[in-house]
Amino acid sequence: MGDVGTLTTSTAQVKAPNTASLAVNYRFAAGSGMKQFVFYPATTLSLPAKNDNAAVNPAGIGLWVYGDNSGLKLIGSFEKSDGSLIQAANQVRIDWNGWKYVTLKFPSGTTFPLKLDYLDLIAENPTANLNGTVYLSDLQVIYAARTYSEKPSPGQTVTFPDIQNHWGRAMIETLATKQVIQGVDKDHFAPLDQLTRAQAATLIVNALGLPDGSNTQFSDVVAGTWYEKKVGAAFKAGLISGISNDKFAPHAPVDRNQIAVMIYNALKYKQKLPTGGTPIAFKDAKDIQSWAKDKVDTLSASGIMVGSEGYLRPASITNRGEAAALIFKMMEQAGLL
């Protein structure tokens, strides 16, 4: 393949403070055919199957990509236990500028365990020399949301062994008993698992008791998925928006900026926005996105969003336990409990 690029560790573009990214410096010569820049992990990256912390097999890998609108494709290849290789079921075309969360999904029927064999940047029939840099950050295994639910007997409190010492136990139990939120299976709530955008939409729709809706807006919300009608309902009610006009990114994680906006929108929908109080002067207030600032101020002034030790950590990913607490407080404010 010749000299097609270099890999370096970079702090020039980072997704979060005090982190580094992998800079992929590519160079493809003009010409017909497919040009590839294949890069392999320096050490074996095993992708876990279901285990004590995850009740189902993973759905794929996710990562943040700082794109340069080059039109290159990013693909992934994985090694099975017998040494054979499979490719991700989808390819990601880098047609944006800036950071974006993307997923490379495992093909249907994939067996585990797997190893990440390589990632690959591809240029197809470039008519001119292509030189540039994309940045990769926060590679992680992603799991599809599970749909376990068990209707409790009247008067029975739903609980899970893995929340017995969790600070949000009482709030999680209340929401689970009301069937607003579900466990990943009957024995696990997984409070530290990251919250995805599809899960967040589902939680808020359930909390507000909205009827299911139809999705006509987002091309990446696939018909027949467990979240399709919840996303449709949330969008119709103005609770959520996409990452673009036709993309929702259902499997992307939700940071604290985003969850603040969703909670605010839910209270606005119910005409129950809190008033009064003094917003918390978070030590990292400068990191709050401008489009979320007034929402965070409203929620912090009323005690719905309080942060930890004076910090909001707005770019941090919201986990399931934190989401349950925010939904609980939102429902309290709206008179839904």
Protein backbone atom coordinates (compact mmCIF):
# COMPACT_ATOMS: atom_id res chain seq x y z
CA MET A 1 0.00 0.00 0.00
CA GLY A 2 3.03 2.28 0.23
CA ASP A 3 3.48 5.29 2.46
CA VAL A 4 -0.11 6.24 3.26
CA GLY A 5 0.24 7.92 6.61
CA THR A 6 1.38 7.99 10.21
CA LEU A 7 -0.21 7.55 13.63
CA THR A 8 0.65 9.83 16.53
CA THR A 9 -0.71 10.65 19.95
CA SER A 10 -2.13 14.15 19.92
CA THR A 11 -3.49 16.76 22.29
CA ALA A 12 -4.23 19.16 19.42
CA GLN A 13 -7.82 17.92 19.27
CA VAL A 14 -9.25 16.21 22.34
CA LYS A 15 -12.80 15.23 23.26
CA ALA A 16 -12.41 16.08 26.93
CA PRO A 17 -9.91 17.96 29.10
CA ASN A 18 -6.75 16.12 30.15
CA THR A 19 -7.09 13.45 27.47
CA ALA A 20 -5.26 12.58 24.27
CA SER A 21 -6.43 11.43 20.86
CA LEU A 22 -4.98 9.20 18.17
CA ALA A 23 -4.09 11.42 15.22
CA VAL A 24 -4.42 9.57 11.91
CA ASN A 25 -2.32 11.53 9.41
CA TYR A 26 -3.26 10.15 6.01
CA ARG A 27 -1.96 10.77 2.51
CA PHE A 28 -3.46 9.12 -0.55
CA ALA A 29 -2.20 9.63 -4.08
CA ALA A 30 -4.71 10.34 -6.83
CA GLY A 31 -5.62 7.36 -8.94
CA SER A 32 -8.20 4.72 -9.67
CA GLY A 33 -9.03 1.95 -7.24
CA MET A 34 -9.27 1.78 -3.48
CA LYS A 35 -6.55 3.34 -1.32
CA GLN A 36 -6.27 2.04 2.24
CA PHE A 37 -4.58 3.09 5.46
CA VAL A 38 -4.82 0.11 7.81
CA PHE A 39 -3.79 0.53 11.44
CA TYR A 40 -3.57 -2.24 14.01
CA PRO A 41 -3.71 -2.06 17.82
CA ALA A 42 -0.27 -2.19 19.42
CA THR A 43 -1.58 -4.79 21.85
CA THR A 44 -4.48 -7.22 21.63
CA LEU A 45 -7.84 -5.55 22.23
CA SER A 46 -10.27 -8.23 23.35
CA LEU A 47 -13.95 -7.32 23.14
CA PRO A 48 -15.83 -8.86 26.06
CA ALA A 49 -18.87 -11.04 25.61
CA LYS A 50 -21.68 -10.96 28.14
CA ASN A 51 -20.37 -11.24 31.68
CA ASP A 52 -21.16 -10.24 35.25
CA ASN A 53 -21.34 -6.58 34.23
CA ALA A 54 -23.20 -7.00 30.94
CA ALA A 55 -26.16 -9.29 30.51
CA VAL A 56 -26.04 -9.41 26.70
CA ASN A 57 -23.37 -9.60 24.03
CA PRO A 58 -22.09 -6.28 22.66
CA ALA A 59 -23.66 -4.71 19.59
CA GLY A 60 -20.50 -3.12 18.24
CA ILE A 61 -17.80 -0.60 19.06
CA GLY A 62 -18.22 3.13 19.40
CA LEU A 63 -15.70 5.96 19.27
CA TRP A 64 -15.45 9.69 18.85
CA VAL A 65 -14.07 10.84 15.50
CA TYR A 66 -12.89 14.36 14.73
CA GLY A 67 -13.74 14.53 11.05
CA ASP A 68 -12.37 16.71 8.28
CA ASN A 69 -15.23 16.28 5.78
CA SER A 70 -12.87 14.33 3.53
CA GLY A 71 -15.41 11.71 2.45
CA LEU A 72 -13.07 8.91 3.51
CA LYS A 73 -14.63 5.75 4.91
CA LEU A 74 -13.79 4.24 8.30
CA ILE A 75 -14.26 0.48 8.61
CA GLY A 76 -13.44 -2.08 11.28
CA SER A 77 -12.33 -5.71 11.18
CA PHE A 78 -12.60 -8.22 14.02
CA GLU A 79 -10.96 -11.58 14.68
CA LYS A 80 -13.09 -14.53 15.82
CA SER A 81 -11.87 -17.22 18.21
CA ASP A 82 -11.04 -19.52 15.27
CA GLY A 83 -8.79 -16.89 13.71
CA SER A 84 -11.15 -15.92 10.90
CA LEU A 85 -12.02 -12.28 10.31
CA ILE A 86 -15.33 -10.46 10.01
CA GLN A 87 -15.96 -6.85 9.08
CA ALA A 88 -18.33 -4.42 10.74
CA ALA A 89 -21.79 -4.47 9.23
CA ASN A 90 -21.55 -0.77 8.38
CA GLN A 91 -19.01 1.74 7.15
CA VAL A 92 -18.76 5.30 8.41
CA ARG A 93 -18.24 8.00 5.80
CA ILE A 94 -16.41 11.00 7.27
CA ASP A 95 -18.61 13.73 5.84
CA TRP A 96 -18.53 16.17 8.76
CA ASN A 97 -16.16 18.56 10.50
CA GLY A 98 -15.44 18.35 14.23
CA TRP A 99 -16.27 15.71 16.81
CA LYS A 100 -18.96 13.11 16.19
CA TYR A 101 -19.73 9.82 17.94
CA VAL A 102 -19.89 6.88 15.52
CA THR A 103 -20.55 3.17 15.84
CA LEU A 104 -19.27 0.15 13.93
CA LYS A 105 -21.84 -2.59 14.38
CA PHE A 106 -21.20 -6.32 14.54
CA PRO A 107 -22.96 -8.40 11.87
CA SER A 108 -26.13 -10.21 12.89
CA GLY A 109 -25.37 -13.61 14.41
CA THR A 110 -21.84 -12.70 15.49
CA THR A 111 -20.37 -15.13 18.02
CA PHE A 112 -18.06 -14.11 20.84
CA PRO A 113 -15.43 -13.49 22.05
CA LEU A 114 -13.89 -11.17 19.46
CA LYS A 115 -10.71 -9.15 19.11
CA LEU A 116 -10.35 -5.85 17.30
CA ASP A 117 -8.06 -6.69 14.39
CA TYR A 118 -7.74 -3.30 12.72
CA LEU A 119 -9.37 -0.04 11.72
CA ASP A 120 -9.06 1.16 8.16
CA LEU A 121 -9.38 4.50 6.36
CA ILE A 122 -10.39 4.11 2.72
CA ALA A 123 -10.28 6.50 -0.23
CA GLU A 124 -12.18 5.37 -3.31
CA ASN A 125 -10.84 6.47 -6.70
CA PRO A 126 -9.46 9.83 -5.49
CA THR A 127 -9.18 12.31 -8.36
CA ALA A 128 -6.62 14.41 -6.48
CA ASN A 129 -4.05 13.80 -3.80
CA LEU A 130 -5.66 13.59 -0.36
CA ASN A 131 -3.76 14.70 2.73
CA GLY A 132 -5.20 15.37 6.14
CA THR A 133 -5.74 14.28 9.71
CA VAL A 134 -8.64 12.74 11.56
CA TYR A 135 -8.59 12.13 15.31
CA LEU A 136 -9.96 9.12 17.17
CA SER A 137 -10.85 9.06 20.87
CA ASP A 138 -12.63 7.00 23.54
CA LEU A 139 -12.94 3.66 21.77
CA GLN A 140 -15.44 1.54 23.69
CA VAL A 141 -17.64 -1.52 23.38
CA ILE A 142 -21.34 -0.66 23.15
CA TYR A 143 -24.32 -2.75 24.13
CA ALA A 144 -27.86 -2.62 22.86
CA ALA A 145 -30.39 -1.74 25.53
CA ARG A 146 -32.13 -4.72 27.01
CA THR A 147 -35.90 -4.82 27.22
CA TYR A 148 -36.41 -6.91 30.33
CA SER A 149 -39.43 -5.94 32.37
CA GLU A 150 -41.44 -7.79 34.95
CA LYS A 151 -44.69 -6.33 36.18
CA PRO A 152 -44.52 -6.14 39.97
CA SER A 153 -47.26 -7.50 42.15
CA PRO A 154 -49.38 -4.82 43.83
CA GLY A 155 -47.45 -3.37 46.75
CA GLN A 156 -44.21 -5.06 45.71
CA THR A 157 -41.12 -2.84 45.43
CA VAL A 158 -38.87 -3.65 42.48
CA THR A 159 -35.19 -3.71 43.42
CA PHE A 160 -31.93 -5.12 42.10
CA PRO A 161 -28.95 -6.68 43.91
CA ASP A 162 -26.51 -4.28 42.25
CA ILE A 163 -28.13 -1.11 43.64
CA GLN A 164 -28.23 -2.06 47.32
CA ASN A 165 -25.32 0.25 48.15
CA HIS A 166 -25.96 2.80 45.41
CA TRP A 167 -26.65 6.38 46.48
CA GLY A 168 -29.72 6.51 44.23
CA ARG A 169 -31.26 3.23 45.37
CA ALA A 170 -34.58 4.67 46.62
CA MET A 171 -35.12 6.70 43.44
CA ILE A 172 -34.25 3.75 41.19
CA GLU A 173 -36.62 1.47 43.11
CA THR A 174 -39.45 3.99 42.84
CA LEU A 175 -39.05 4.37 39.08
CA ALA A 176 -38.64 0.62 38.53
CA THR A 177 -41.75 -0.13 40.58
CA LYS A 178 -43.68 2.39 38.48
CA GLN A 179 -42.20 0.80 35.33
CA VAL A 180 -40.66 4.07 34.21
CA ILE A 181 -37.24 2.43 34.14
CA GLN A 182 -36.18 -1.18 33.70
CA GLY A 183 -33.27 -3.38 34.64
CA VAL A 184 -30.91 -4.91 32.12
CA ASP A 185 -32.25 -8.22 33.44
CA LYS A 186 -34.24 -9.22 36.49
CA ASP A 187 -31.16 -9.20 38.73
CA HIS A 188 -29.21 -6.21 37.41
CA PHE A 189 -29.92 -2.53 36.97
CA ALA A 190 -26.32 -1.66 35.95
CA PRO A 191 -26.32 1.86 37.45
CA LEU A 192 -22.83 2.63 36.14
CA ASP A 193 -23.58 1.71 32.52
CA GLN A 194 -23.60 4.70 30.18
CA LEU A 195 -26.92 6.13 29.05
CA THR A 196 -27.52 6.23 25.30
CA ARG A 197 -29.64 8.75 23.43
CA ALA A 198 -32.24 6.08 22.65
CA GLN A 199 -32.44 5.11 26.32
CA ALA A 200 -32.78 8.74 27.40
CA ALA A 201 -35.64 9.34 24.98
CA THR A 202 -37.37 6.19 26.21
CA LEU A 203 -36.98 7.15 29.87
CA ILE A 204 -38.45 10.60 29.40
CA VAL A 205 -41.37 9.36 27.30
CA ASN A 206 -42.13 6.72 29.93
CA ALA A 207 -41.86 9.27 32.74
CA LEU A 208 -44.32 11.62 31.04
CA GLY A 209 -46.65 8.78 30.07
CA LEU A 210 -46.66 9.78 26.40
CA PRO A 211 -48.13 7.45 23.78
CA ASP A 212 -45.75 5.89 21.28
CA GLY A 213 -45.08 7.90 18.15
CA SER A 214 -43.85 7.20 14.65
CA ASN A 215 -40.41 8.14 13.40
CA THR A 216 -40.39 9.99 10.11
CA GLN A 217 -37.46 12.27 10.89
CA PHE A 218 -34.33 10.20 11.49
CA SER A 219 -32.85 7.81 8.96
CA ASP A 220 -30.71 6.07 11.61
CA VAL A 221 -33.71 5.16 13.81
CA VAL A 222 -34.49 1.80 12.27
CA ALA A 223 -38.07 0.60 11.99
CA GLY A 224 -38.89 -2.19 14.41
CA THR A 225 -36.21 -1.37 16.97
CA TRP A 226 -37.25 -1.19 20.62
CA TYR A 227 -36.69 2.57 20.70
CA GLU A 228 -38.23 3.62 17.36
CA LYS A 229 -41.64 4.66 18.69
CA LYS A 230 -40.20 6.26 21.83
CA VAL A 231 -37.85 8.44 19.78
CA GLY A 232 -40.79 9.34 17.53
CA ALA A 233 -42.87 10.36 20.54
CA ALA A 234 -40.04 12.35 22.12
CA PHE A 235 -39.33 14.23 18.89
CA LYS A 236 -43.00 15.02 18.30
CA ALA A 237 -43.27 16.47 21.82
CA GLY A 238 -40.16 18.60 21.34
CA LEU A 239 -38.21 16.78 24.03
CA ILE A 240 -35.26 15.82 21.84
CA SER A 241 -33.54 16.88 18.66
CA GLY A 242 -31.19 15.11 16.32
CA ILE A 243 -27.49 15.61 15.83
CA SER A 244 -28.46 16.79 12.34
CA ASN A 245 -31.69 17.16 10.39
CA ASP A 246 -31.96 13.44 9.65
CA LYS A 247 -29.65 11.75 12.18
CA PHE A 248 -30.42 10.95 15.82
CA ALA A 249 -27.41 8.75 16.78
CA PRO A 250 -29.48 6.44 19.02
CA HIS A 251 -26.47 4.53 20.37
CA ALA A 252 -24.34 7.57 21.16
CA PRO A 253 -23.88 8.32 24.86
CA VAL A 254 -25.58 11.27 26.54
CA ASP A 255 -23.41 13.81 28.32
CA ARG A 256 -24.61 16.06 31.13
CA ASN A 257 -25.15 19.03 28.81
CA GLN A 258 -27.54 16.95 26.75
CA ILE A 259 -29.45 15.35 29.62
CA ALA A 260 -29.97 18.80 31.16
CA VAL A 261 -31.64 20.00 27.95
CA MET A 262 -33.85 16.89 27.79
CA ILE A 263 -34.98 17.24 31.41
CA TYR A 264 -35.65 20.96 30.90
CA ASN A 265 -37.67 20.24 27.75
CA ALA A 266 -39.74 17.63 29.60
CA LEU A 267 -40.63 20.12 32.35
CA LYS A 268 -41.40 22.78 29.75
CA TYR A 269 -43.70 20.33 27.96
CA LYS A 270 -45.59 19.75 31.22
CA GLN A 271 -45.59 23.51 31.94
CA LYS A 272 -43.82 22.76 35.22
CA LEU A 273 -40.53 24.61 34.83
CA PRO A 274 -39.20 25.63 38.25
CA THR A 275 -38.86 29.32 39.01
CA GLY A 276 -36.82 31.20 41.56
CA GLY A 277 -33.73 30.10 43.40
CA THR A 278 -30.10 30.85 42.67
CA PRO A 279 -28.22 28.82 40.05
CA ILE A 280 -25.22 26.91 41.34
CA ALA A 281 -21.92 28.56 40.40
CA PHE A 282 -20.20 25.39 39.24
CA LYS A 283 -16.41 25.50 39.29
CA ASP A 284 -16.37 24.22 35.70
CA ALA A 285 -19.20 26.47 34.45
CA LYS A 286 -16.99 27.60 31.56
CA ASP A 287 -17.23 24.07 30.16
CA ILE A 288 -21.03 24.13 29.93
CA GLN A 289 -22.16 24.41 26.31
CA SER A 290 -23.81 27.73 25.47
CA TRP A 291 -26.98 25.97 24.28
CA ALA A 292 -27.31 24.22 27.64
CA LYS A 293 -26.32 27.03 30.02
CA ASP A 294 -29.78 28.48 30.75
CA LYS A 295 -31.20 24.97 31.16
CA VAL A 296 -28.49 24.01 33.64
CA ASP A 297 -29.07 27.26 35.54
CA THR A 298 -32.80 26.57 35.84
CA LEU A 299 -32.29 22.98 36.98
CA SER A 300 -29.49 23.76 39.41
CA ALA A 301 -31.42 26.63 41.00
CA SER A 302 -34.22 24.21 41.85
CA GLY A 303 -31.96 21.38 43.06
CA ILE A 304 -32.74 19.05 40.17
CA MET A 305 -29.16 19.08 38.85
CA VAL A 306 -26.57 19.64 41.57
CA GLY A 307 -23.28 18.15 40.38
CA SER A 308 -20.65 16.81 42.77
CA GLU A 309 -18.18 18.69 44.97
CA GLY A 310 -18.89 21.93 43.14
CA TYR A 311 -18.37 20.49 39.65
CA LEU A 312 -21.00 19.70 37.02
CA ARG A 313 -18.61 17.91 34.63
CA PRO A 314 -20.85 18.79 31.69
CA ALA A 315 -18.90 16.75 29.13
CA SER A 316 -19.01 13.59 31.26
CA ILE A 317 -21.23 10.77 30.09
CA THR A 318 -24.42 10.29 32.11
CA ASN A 319 -24.80 6.82 33.61
CA ARG A 320 -28.02 4.95 34.30
CA GLY A 321 -27.97 5.69 38.02
CA GLU A 322 -27.54 9.43 37.45
CA ALA A 323 -30.27 9.40 34.81
CA ALA A 324 -32.67 7.70 37.21
CA ALA A 325 -32.05 10.41 39.82
CA LEU A 326 -32.64 13.20 37.31
CA ILE A 327 -35.83 11.58 36.00
CA PHE A 328 -37.07 11.10 39.58
CA LYS A 329 -36.49 14.78 40.43
CA MET A 330 -38.10 15.86 37.16
CA MET A 331 -41.19 13.77 37.94
CA GLU A 332 -41.33 15.25 41.45
CA GLN A 333 -41.23 18.77 40.03
CA ALA A 334 -43.93 17.90 37.49
CA GLY A 335 -46.19 16.28 40.08
CA LEU A 336 -45.95 12.87 38.43
CA LEU A 337 -44.98 10.85 41.52
